[in-house]
Amino acid sequence: MTDQPLVMVLNGPNLNLLGSREPQIYGHDTLDDIAERLEAQAAALGLALDVRQSNHEGHIVDWLHEAGARGALAVLLNAGALTHTSVAIHDAIKGIALPVIEVHLSNPHAREEFRHTSFVARAAKGTISGFGAASYTLALDAAAALRQ
């Protein structure tokens, strides 16, 4: 067990396909590539990191509950398409007493109309989007700043 503050990075549906799924929108980095960069960044920031991905809404809800129970410093959440549909994830965020930072590779507001609504954003501390894989590293910097 580490005494470093924990940041959980939770990824939703289809993010396991990063690198091959619509690279013109999501880039060529895989989720493993992003996780590797985040691990190095977290070590430099003195943070412990737990990176997970699931295509199932209930897993994300359970992991949000777990983050709260573990007293995480923050959660970085890219809920994928569930961002626009999941009241359950919204309610899970509201139910835990820690900041959630919404992350998106693309800018949802520059895309299809249905992507302009985010149930996550309504409960999150903030949102970082549109910077490709760098959205994650920017979000981790934001999480680290919460310590101060």
N, C-alpha and C. Protein backbone atom coordinates (compact mmCIF):
# COMPACT_ATOMS: atom_id res chain seq x y z
N MET A 1 0.85 -1.19 0.00
CA MET A 1 0.00 0.00 0.00
C MET A 1 0.89 1.24 0.00
N THR A 2 0.50 2.21 -0.77
CA THR A 2 1.28 3.43 -0.90
C THR A 2 0.63 4.56 -0.11
N ASP A 3 1.46 5.50 0.34
CA ASP A 3 0.90 6.66 1.02
C ASP A 3 0.74 7.83 0.06
N GLN A 4 0.98 7.59 -1.22
CA GLN A 4 0.77 8.62 -2.23
C GLN A 4 -0.72 8.78 -2.51
N PRO A 5 -1.17 9.99 -2.76
CA PRO A 5 -2.57 10.19 -3.12
C PRO A 5 -2.93 9.40 -4.39
N LEU A 6 -4.09 8.80 -4.38
CA LEU A 6 -4.55 7.96 -5.49
C LEU A 6 -5.41 8.76 -6.46
N VAL A 7 -5.12 8.58 -7.75
CA VAL A 7 -5.99 9.08 -8.81
C VAL A 7 -6.42 7.87 -9.63
N MET A 8 -7.71 7.67 -9.73
CA MET A 8 -8.24 6.60 -10.56
C MET A 8 -8.58 7.17 -11.93
N VAL A 9 -8.23 6.43 -12.98
CA VAL A 9 -8.50 6.83 -14.36
C VAL A 9 -9.44 5.79 -14.94
N LEU A 10 -10.69 6.17 -15.14
CA LEU A 10 -11.72 5.24 -15.58
C LEU A 10 -12.13 5.56 -17.01
N ASN A 11 -12.16 4.53 -17.82
CA ASN A 11 -12.45 4.66 -19.24
C ASN A 11 -13.62 3.78 -19.62
N GLY A 12 -14.52 4.33 -20.42
CA GLY A 12 -15.74 3.63 -20.78
C GLY A 12 -15.69 2.91 -22.11
N PRO A 13 -16.86 2.66 -22.66
CA PRO A 13 -17.02 1.83 -23.85
C PRO A 13 -16.19 2.28 -25.04
N ASN A 14 -15.65 1.29 -25.70
CA ASN A 14 -14.91 1.42 -26.96
C ASN A 14 -13.54 2.06 -26.83
N LEU A 15 -13.17 2.51 -25.65
CA LEU A 15 -11.85 3.12 -25.50
C LEU A 15 -10.74 2.07 -25.55
N ASN A 16 -11.10 0.80 -25.42
CA ASN A 16 -10.14 -0.28 -25.66
C ASN A 16 -9.73 -0.35 -27.12
N LEU A 17 -10.48 0.31 -28.01
CA LEU A 17 -10.18 0.30 -29.44
C LEU A 17 -9.34 1.50 -29.89
N LEU A 18 -8.92 2.34 -28.93
CA LEU A 18 -8.11 3.50 -29.31
C LEU A 18 -6.88 3.04 -30.09
N GLY A 19 -6.51 3.85 -31.05
CA GLY A 19 -5.38 3.54 -31.91
C GLY A 19 -5.82 3.00 -33.25
N SER A 20 -6.97 2.30 -33.24
CA SER A 20 -7.50 1.75 -34.49
C SER A 20 -8.89 2.28 -34.82
N ARG A 21 -9.62 2.73 -33.82
CA ARG A 21 -10.99 3.24 -34.03
C ARG A 21 -10.94 4.72 -34.43
N GLU A 22 -11.40 5.03 -35.61
CA GLU A 22 -11.50 6.40 -36.10
C GLU A 22 -10.31 7.27 -35.69
N PRO A 23 -9.11 6.89 -36.14
CA PRO A 23 -7.92 7.65 -35.72
C PRO A 23 -7.94 9.12 -36.15
N GLN A 24 -8.72 9.46 -37.17
CA GLN A 24 -8.83 10.86 -37.57
C GLN A 24 -9.53 11.69 -36.49
N ILE A 25 -10.29 11.04 -35.62
CA ILE A 25 -10.96 11.72 -34.50
C ILE A 25 -10.21 11.50 -33.20
N TYR A 26 -9.83 10.24 -32.93
CA TYR A 26 -9.30 9.87 -31.62
C TYR A 26 -7.79 9.72 -31.58
N GLY A 27 -7.12 9.82 -32.73
CA GLY A 27 -5.66 9.71 -32.75
C GLY A 27 -5.19 8.27 -32.87
N HIS A 28 -3.89 8.11 -32.86
CA HIS A 28 -3.26 6.81 -33.05
C HIS A 28 -2.77 6.17 -31.75
N ASP A 29 -2.82 6.91 -30.65
CA ASP A 29 -2.40 6.36 -29.37
C ASP A 29 -3.39 5.32 -28.89
N THR A 30 -2.89 4.23 -28.35
CA THR A 30 -3.74 3.23 -27.72
C THR A 30 -3.98 3.65 -26.26
N LEU A 31 -4.93 3.01 -25.63
CA LEU A 31 -5.17 3.28 -24.21
C LEU A 31 -3.94 2.88 -23.40
N ASP A 32 -3.24 1.82 -23.80
CA ASP A 32 -1.99 1.44 -23.12
C ASP A 32 -0.93 2.52 -23.27
N ASP A 33 -0.83 3.14 -24.45
CA ASP A 33 0.12 4.25 -24.65
C ASP A 33 -0.19 5.39 -23.69
N ILE A 34 -1.46 5.73 -23.60
CA ILE A 34 -1.88 6.82 -22.72
C ILE A 34 -1.59 6.45 -21.27
N ALA A 35 -1.92 5.23 -20.88
CA ALA A 35 -1.68 4.79 -19.49
C ALA A 35 -0.20 4.83 -19.14
N GLU A 36 0.64 4.45 -20.08
CA GLU A 36 2.10 4.47 -19.84
C GLU A 36 2.58 5.90 -19.58
N ARG A 37 2.12 6.84 -20.37
CA ARG A 37 2.50 8.25 -20.15
C ARG A 37 1.95 8.77 -18.82
N LEU A 38 0.73 8.37 -18.51
CA LEU A 38 0.14 8.80 -17.24
C LEU A 38 0.89 8.24 -16.04
N GLU A 39 1.32 6.99 -16.14
CA GLU A 39 2.09 6.37 -15.04
C GLU A 39 3.38 7.15 -14.78
N ALA A 40 4.09 7.50 -15.86
CA ALA A 40 5.33 8.26 -15.70
C ALA A 40 5.04 9.64 -15.10
N GLN A 41 4.00 10.29 -15.58
CA GLN A 41 3.62 11.60 -15.08
C GLN A 41 3.21 11.52 -13.61
N ALA A 42 2.42 10.50 -13.26
CA ALA A 42 1.97 10.33 -11.87
C ALA A 42 3.17 10.13 -10.94
N ALA A 43 4.13 9.34 -11.37
CA ALA A 43 5.32 9.12 -10.55
C ALA A 43 6.04 10.44 -10.30
N ALA A 44 6.18 11.26 -11.34
CA ALA A 44 6.84 12.55 -11.20
C ALA A 44 6.05 13.50 -10.28
N LEU A 45 4.74 13.34 -10.26
CA LEU A 45 3.88 14.19 -9.43
C LEU A 45 3.67 13.64 -8.01
N GLY A 46 4.22 12.45 -7.74
CA GLY A 46 4.03 11.84 -6.43
C GLY A 46 2.64 11.29 -6.21
N LEU A 47 2.02 10.80 -7.29
CA LEU A 47 0.67 10.25 -7.22
C LEU A 47 0.68 8.76 -7.53
N ALA A 48 -0.21 8.02 -6.91
CA ALA A 48 -0.48 6.64 -7.28
C ALA A 48 -1.60 6.65 -8.31
N LEU A 49 -1.53 5.74 -9.28
CA LEU A 49 -2.48 5.73 -10.38
C LEU A 49 -3.10 4.35 -10.52
N ASP A 50 -4.38 4.32 -10.83
CA ASP A 50 -5.11 3.08 -11.09
C ASP A 50 -5.92 3.32 -12.36
N VAL A 51 -5.51 2.71 -13.48
CA VAL A 51 -6.14 2.92 -14.78
C VAL A 51 -6.97 1.70 -15.14
N ARG A 52 -8.24 1.93 -15.50
CA ARG A 52 -9.16 0.84 -15.84
C ARG A 52 -10.01 1.21 -17.05
N GLN A 53 -10.52 0.18 -17.73
CA GLN A 53 -11.43 0.38 -18.86
C GLN A 53 -12.48 -0.72 -18.83
N SER A 54 -13.72 -0.34 -19.15
CA SER A 54 -14.79 -1.32 -19.28
C SER A 54 -15.79 -0.84 -20.32
N ASN A 55 -16.38 -1.80 -20.99
CA ASN A 55 -17.47 -1.51 -21.92
C ASN A 55 -18.83 -1.60 -21.23
N HIS A 56 -18.84 -1.74 -19.90
CA HIS A 56 -20.07 -1.97 -19.14
C HIS A 56 -20.30 -0.85 -18.13
N GLU A 57 -21.45 -0.22 -18.24
CA GLU A 57 -21.81 0.90 -17.38
C GLU A 57 -21.70 0.57 -15.89
N GLY A 58 -22.19 -0.59 -15.50
CA GLY A 58 -22.17 -0.96 -14.09
C GLY A 58 -20.79 -1.03 -13.50
N HIS A 59 -19.80 -1.45 -14.30
CA HIS A 59 -18.41 -1.47 -13.81
C HIS A 59 -17.95 -0.07 -13.46
N ILE A 60 -18.29 0.88 -14.31
CA ILE A 60 -17.86 2.26 -14.07
C ILE A 60 -18.53 2.80 -12.80
N VAL A 61 -19.80 2.51 -12.63
CA VAL A 61 -20.50 2.92 -11.41
C VAL A 61 -19.81 2.31 -10.19
N ASP A 62 -19.55 1.00 -10.24
CA ASP A 62 -18.88 0.33 -9.12
C ASP A 62 -17.51 0.93 -8.84
N TRP A 63 -16.75 1.25 -9.90
CA TRP A 63 -15.41 1.83 -9.71
C TRP A 63 -15.48 3.23 -9.13
N LEU A 64 -16.48 4.00 -9.49
CA LEU A 64 -16.66 5.31 -8.87
C LEU A 64 -16.93 5.15 -7.38
N HIS A 65 -17.78 4.20 -7.02
CA HIS A 65 -18.04 3.92 -5.60
C HIS A 65 -16.75 3.52 -4.90
N GLU A 66 -15.97 2.66 -5.56
CA GLU A 66 -14.69 2.21 -4.99
C GLU A 66 -13.74 3.39 -4.78
N ALA A 67 -13.67 4.30 -5.74
CA ALA A 67 -12.81 5.48 -5.61
C ALA A 67 -13.19 6.27 -4.36
N GLY A 68 -14.49 6.44 -4.15
CA GLY A 68 -14.95 7.13 -2.96
C GLY A 68 -14.56 6.40 -1.69
N ALA A 69 -14.76 5.09 -1.68
CA ALA A 69 -14.43 4.29 -0.50
C ALA A 69 -12.93 4.27 -0.21
N ARG A 70 -12.12 4.35 -1.27
CA ARG A 70 -10.66 4.34 -1.11
C ARG A 70 -10.12 5.73 -0.78
N GLY A 71 -10.97 6.74 -0.80
CA GLY A 71 -10.52 8.09 -0.50
C GLY A 71 -9.58 8.65 -1.54
N ALA A 72 -9.85 8.35 -2.80
CA ALA A 72 -9.00 8.84 -3.88
C ALA A 72 -8.95 10.37 -3.87
N LEU A 73 -7.84 10.91 -4.35
CA LEU A 73 -7.71 12.35 -4.52
C LEU A 73 -8.69 12.84 -5.58
N ALA A 74 -8.80 12.06 -6.68
CA ALA A 74 -9.67 12.44 -7.79
C ALA A 74 -9.86 11.25 -8.70
N VAL A 75 -10.83 11.39 -9.58
CA VAL A 75 -11.06 10.42 -10.66
C VAL A 75 -10.99 11.19 -11.97
N LEU A 76 -10.25 10.65 -12.94
CA LEU A 76 -10.30 11.12 -14.31
C LEU A 76 -11.24 10.17 -15.02
N LEU A 77 -12.29 10.68 -15.62
CA LEU A 77 -13.32 9.83 -16.21
C LEU A 77 -13.57 10.18 -17.66
N ASN A 78 -13.25 9.24 -18.53
CA ASN A 78 -13.68 9.32 -19.93
C ASN A 78 -14.74 8.24 -20.07
N ALA A 79 -15.99 8.64 -19.95
CA ALA A 79 -17.09 7.68 -19.98
C ALA A 79 -17.49 7.29 -21.40
N GLY A 80 -16.77 7.81 -22.40
CA GLY A 80 -17.11 7.49 -23.78
C GLY A 80 -18.56 7.87 -24.07
N ALA A 81 -19.23 7.05 -24.83
CA ALA A 81 -20.62 7.33 -25.21
C ALA A 81 -21.56 7.41 -24.01
N LEU A 82 -21.20 6.78 -22.89
CA LEU A 82 -22.04 6.85 -21.70
C LEU A 82 -22.12 8.26 -21.13
N THR A 83 -21.18 9.11 -21.52
CA THR A 83 -21.21 10.52 -21.14
C THR A 83 -22.57 11.13 -21.45
N HIS A 84 -23.13 10.74 -22.59
CA HIS A 84 -24.32 11.39 -23.14
C HIS A 84 -25.62 10.69 -22.77
N THR A 85 -25.51 9.58 -22.05
CA THR A 85 -26.71 8.77 -21.79
C THR A 85 -26.89 8.33 -20.35
N SER A 86 -25.85 8.35 -19.53
CA SER A 86 -25.91 7.64 -18.26
C SER A 86 -26.25 8.52 -17.06
N VAL A 87 -27.49 8.43 -16.64
CA VAL A 87 -27.90 9.05 -15.39
C VAL A 87 -27.28 8.28 -14.22
N ALA A 88 -27.07 6.98 -14.39
CA ALA A 88 -26.46 6.16 -13.33
C ALA A 88 -25.04 6.65 -13.01
N ILE A 89 -24.25 6.97 -14.03
CA ILE A 89 -22.90 7.48 -13.78
C ILE A 89 -22.98 8.88 -13.16
N HIS A 90 -23.87 9.71 -13.65
CA HIS A 90 -24.09 11.03 -13.04
C HIS A 90 -24.38 10.88 -11.55
N ASP A 91 -25.30 10.00 -11.22
CA ASP A 91 -25.69 9.82 -9.82
C ASP A 91 -24.54 9.24 -8.99
N ALA A 92 -23.74 8.36 -9.56
CA ALA A 92 -22.58 7.80 -8.85
C ALA A 92 -21.57 8.90 -8.54
N ILE A 93 -21.34 9.79 -9.49
CA ILE A 93 -20.43 10.91 -9.25
C ILE A 93 -20.96 11.78 -8.12
N LYS A 94 -22.24 12.09 -8.17
CA LYS A 94 -22.85 12.92 -7.13
C LYS A 94 -22.80 12.23 -5.76
N GLY A 95 -22.76 10.90 -5.78
CA GLY A 95 -22.81 10.14 -4.54
C GLY A 95 -21.47 9.96 -3.84
N ILE A 96 -20.38 10.32 -4.49
CA ILE A 96 -19.06 10.19 -3.87
C ILE A 96 -18.53 11.57 -3.53
N ALA A 97 -17.78 11.64 -2.46
CA ALA A 97 -17.30 12.95 -1.98
C ALA A 97 -15.88 13.20 -2.47
N LEU A 98 -15.70 13.20 -3.78
CA LEU A 98 -14.40 13.53 -4.34
C LEU A 98 -14.57 14.07 -5.75
N PRO A 99 -13.59 14.84 -6.21
CA PRO A 99 -13.72 15.47 -7.53
C PRO A 99 -13.53 14.48 -8.67
N VAL A 100 -14.37 14.61 -9.66
CA VAL A 100 -14.27 13.84 -10.90
C VAL A 100 -13.98 14.84 -12.01
N ILE A 101 -12.96 14.55 -12.79
CA ILE A 101 -12.59 15.39 -13.93
C ILE A 101 -12.97 14.63 -15.19
N GLU A 102 -13.90 15.19 -15.94
CA GLU A 102 -14.34 14.59 -17.20
C GLU A 102 -13.26 14.81 -18.26
N VAL A 103 -12.95 13.74 -19.00
CA VAL A 103 -11.90 13.79 -20.02
C VAL A 103 -12.47 13.29 -21.34
N HIS A 104 -12.13 14.02 -22.43
CA HIS A 104 -12.46 13.56 -23.78
C HIS A 104 -11.29 13.86 -24.70
N LEU A 105 -11.01 12.93 -25.59
CA LEU A 105 -9.96 13.12 -26.58
C LEU A 105 -10.37 14.19 -27.59
N SER A 106 -11.60 14.10 -28.07
CA SER A 106 -12.12 15.06 -29.04
C SER A 106 -12.92 16.13 -28.29
N ASN A 107 -13.36 17.13 -29.01
CA ASN A 107 -14.21 18.16 -28.44
C ASN A 107 -15.66 17.80 -28.78
N PRO A 108 -16.42 17.28 -27.82
CA PRO A 108 -17.79 16.86 -28.12
C PRO A 108 -18.66 17.98 -28.69
N HIS A 109 -18.38 19.21 -28.36
CA HIS A 109 -19.21 20.32 -28.84
C HIS A 109 -18.94 20.67 -30.30
N ALA A 110 -17.86 20.14 -30.84
CA ALA A 110 -17.54 20.35 -32.26
C ALA A 110 -18.01 19.17 -33.11
N ARG A 111 -18.76 18.26 -32.49
CA ARG A 111 -19.20 17.05 -33.18
C ARG A 111 -20.72 17.01 -33.27
N GLU A 112 -21.27 15.84 -33.43
CA GLU A 112 -22.72 15.67 -33.60
C GLU A 112 -23.48 16.27 -32.42
N GLU A 113 -24.69 16.73 -32.71
CA GLU A 113 -25.53 17.38 -31.71
C GLU A 113 -25.74 16.51 -30.46
N PHE A 114 -25.94 15.20 -30.64
CA PHE A 114 -26.22 14.34 -29.48
C PHE A 114 -25.05 14.30 -28.51
N ARG A 115 -23.85 14.65 -28.97
CA ARG A 115 -22.67 14.66 -28.09
C ARG A 115 -22.56 15.95 -27.27
N HIS A 116 -23.43 16.90 -27.50
CA HIS A 116 -23.35 18.18 -26.81
C HIS A 116 -23.90 18.11 -25.38
N THR A 117 -24.63 17.07 -25.06
CA THR A 117 -25.16 16.88 -23.71
C THR A 117 -24.28 15.90 -22.96
N SER A 118 -23.86 16.31 -21.77
CA SER A 118 -23.02 15.45 -20.93
C SER A 118 -23.63 15.34 -19.54
N PHE A 119 -24.08 14.14 -19.20
CA PHE A 119 -24.55 13.89 -17.84
C PHE A 119 -23.37 13.89 -16.87
N VAL A 120 -22.18 13.53 -17.35
CA VAL A 120 -20.98 13.55 -16.51
C VAL A 120 -20.65 14.99 -16.12
N ALA A 121 -20.64 15.90 -17.10
CA ALA A 121 -20.26 17.30 -16.83
C ALA A 121 -21.15 17.94 -15.78
N ARG A 122 -22.40 17.53 -15.72
CA ARG A 122 -23.34 18.11 -14.75
C ARG A 122 -22.98 17.76 -13.32
N ALA A 123 -22.13 16.74 -13.14
CA ALA A 123 -21.73 16.31 -11.79
C ALA A 123 -20.24 16.47 -11.55
N ALA A 124 -19.46 16.66 -12.61
CA ALA A 124 -18.00 16.70 -12.50
C ALA A 124 -17.50 18.04 -12.00
N LYS A 125 -16.30 18.04 -11.44
CA LYS A 125 -15.64 19.28 -11.03
C LYS A 125 -15.29 20.12 -12.25
N GLY A 126 -14.85 19.47 -13.33
CA GLY A 126 -14.48 20.18 -14.55
C GLY A 126 -14.33 19.21 -15.69
N THR A 127 -14.09 19.77 -16.88
CA THR A 127 -13.97 18.97 -18.10
C THR A 127 -12.75 19.43 -18.88
N ILE A 128 -11.99 18.47 -19.39
CA ILE A 128 -10.88 18.75 -20.30
C ILE A 128 -11.13 17.93 -21.56
N SER A 129 -11.23 18.60 -22.70
CA SER A 129 -11.54 17.90 -23.94
C SER A 129 -10.90 18.58 -25.13
N GLY A 130 -10.73 17.79 -26.19
CA GLY A 130 -10.30 18.34 -27.45
C GLY A 130 -8.81 18.37 -27.69
N PHE A 131 -8.02 17.84 -26.78
CA PHE A 131 -6.57 17.89 -26.91
C PHE A 131 -5.96 16.52 -27.19
N GLY A 132 -6.76 15.61 -27.71
CA GLY A 132 -6.26 14.26 -27.99
C GLY A 132 -5.79 13.60 -26.71
N ALA A 133 -4.76 12.77 -26.82
CA ALA A 133 -4.23 12.05 -25.65
C ALA A 133 -3.76 13.01 -24.56
N ALA A 134 -3.35 14.22 -24.95
CA ALA A 134 -2.91 15.21 -23.97
C ALA A 134 -4.04 15.63 -23.03
N SER A 135 -5.30 15.39 -23.39
CA SER A 135 -6.40 15.69 -22.47
C SER A 135 -6.21 14.95 -21.16
N TYR A 136 -5.72 13.72 -21.22
CA TYR A 136 -5.48 12.94 -20.00
C TYR A 136 -4.37 13.56 -19.15
N THR A 137 -3.26 13.95 -19.78
CA THR A 137 -2.15 14.49 -19.00
C THR A 137 -2.52 15.85 -18.41
N LEU A 138 -3.29 16.64 -19.15
CA LEU A 138 -3.77 17.91 -18.61
C LEU A 138 -4.69 17.66 -17.41
N ALA A 139 -5.53 16.65 -17.52
CA ALA A 139 -6.44 16.31 -16.42
C ALA A 139 -5.67 15.82 -15.19
N LEU A 140 -4.60 15.06 -15.42
CA LEU A 140 -3.80 14.60 -14.28
C LEU A 140 -3.11 15.78 -13.59
N ASP A 141 -2.65 16.75 -14.37
CA ASP A 141 -2.10 17.97 -13.76
C ASP A 141 -3.16 18.67 -12.93
N ALA A 142 -4.38 18.74 -13.44
CA ALA A 142 -5.48 19.37 -12.69
C ALA A 142 -5.75 18.60 -11.40
N ALA A 143 -5.73 17.28 -11.47
CA ALA A 143 -5.95 16.47 -10.25
C ALA A 143 -4.85 16.73 -9.23
N ALA A 144 -3.60 16.79 -9.70
CA ALA A 144 -2.48 17.04 -8.78
C ALA A 144 -2.63 18.41 -8.11
N ALA A 145 -3.14 19.37 -8.83
CA ALA A 145 -3.31 20.72 -8.27
C ALA A 145 -4.35 20.74 -7.15
N LEU A 146 -5.21 19.73 -7.08
CA LEU A 146 -6.23 19.68 -6.04
C LEU A 146 -5.62 19.45 -4.66
N ARG A 147 -4.38 18.97 -4.63
CA ARG A 147 -3.70 18.75 -3.33
C ARG A 147 -3.39 20.05 -2.63
N GLN A 148 -3.31 21.13 -3.37
CA GLN A 148 -2.84 22.39 -2.80
C GLN A 148 -3.94 23.21 -2.19
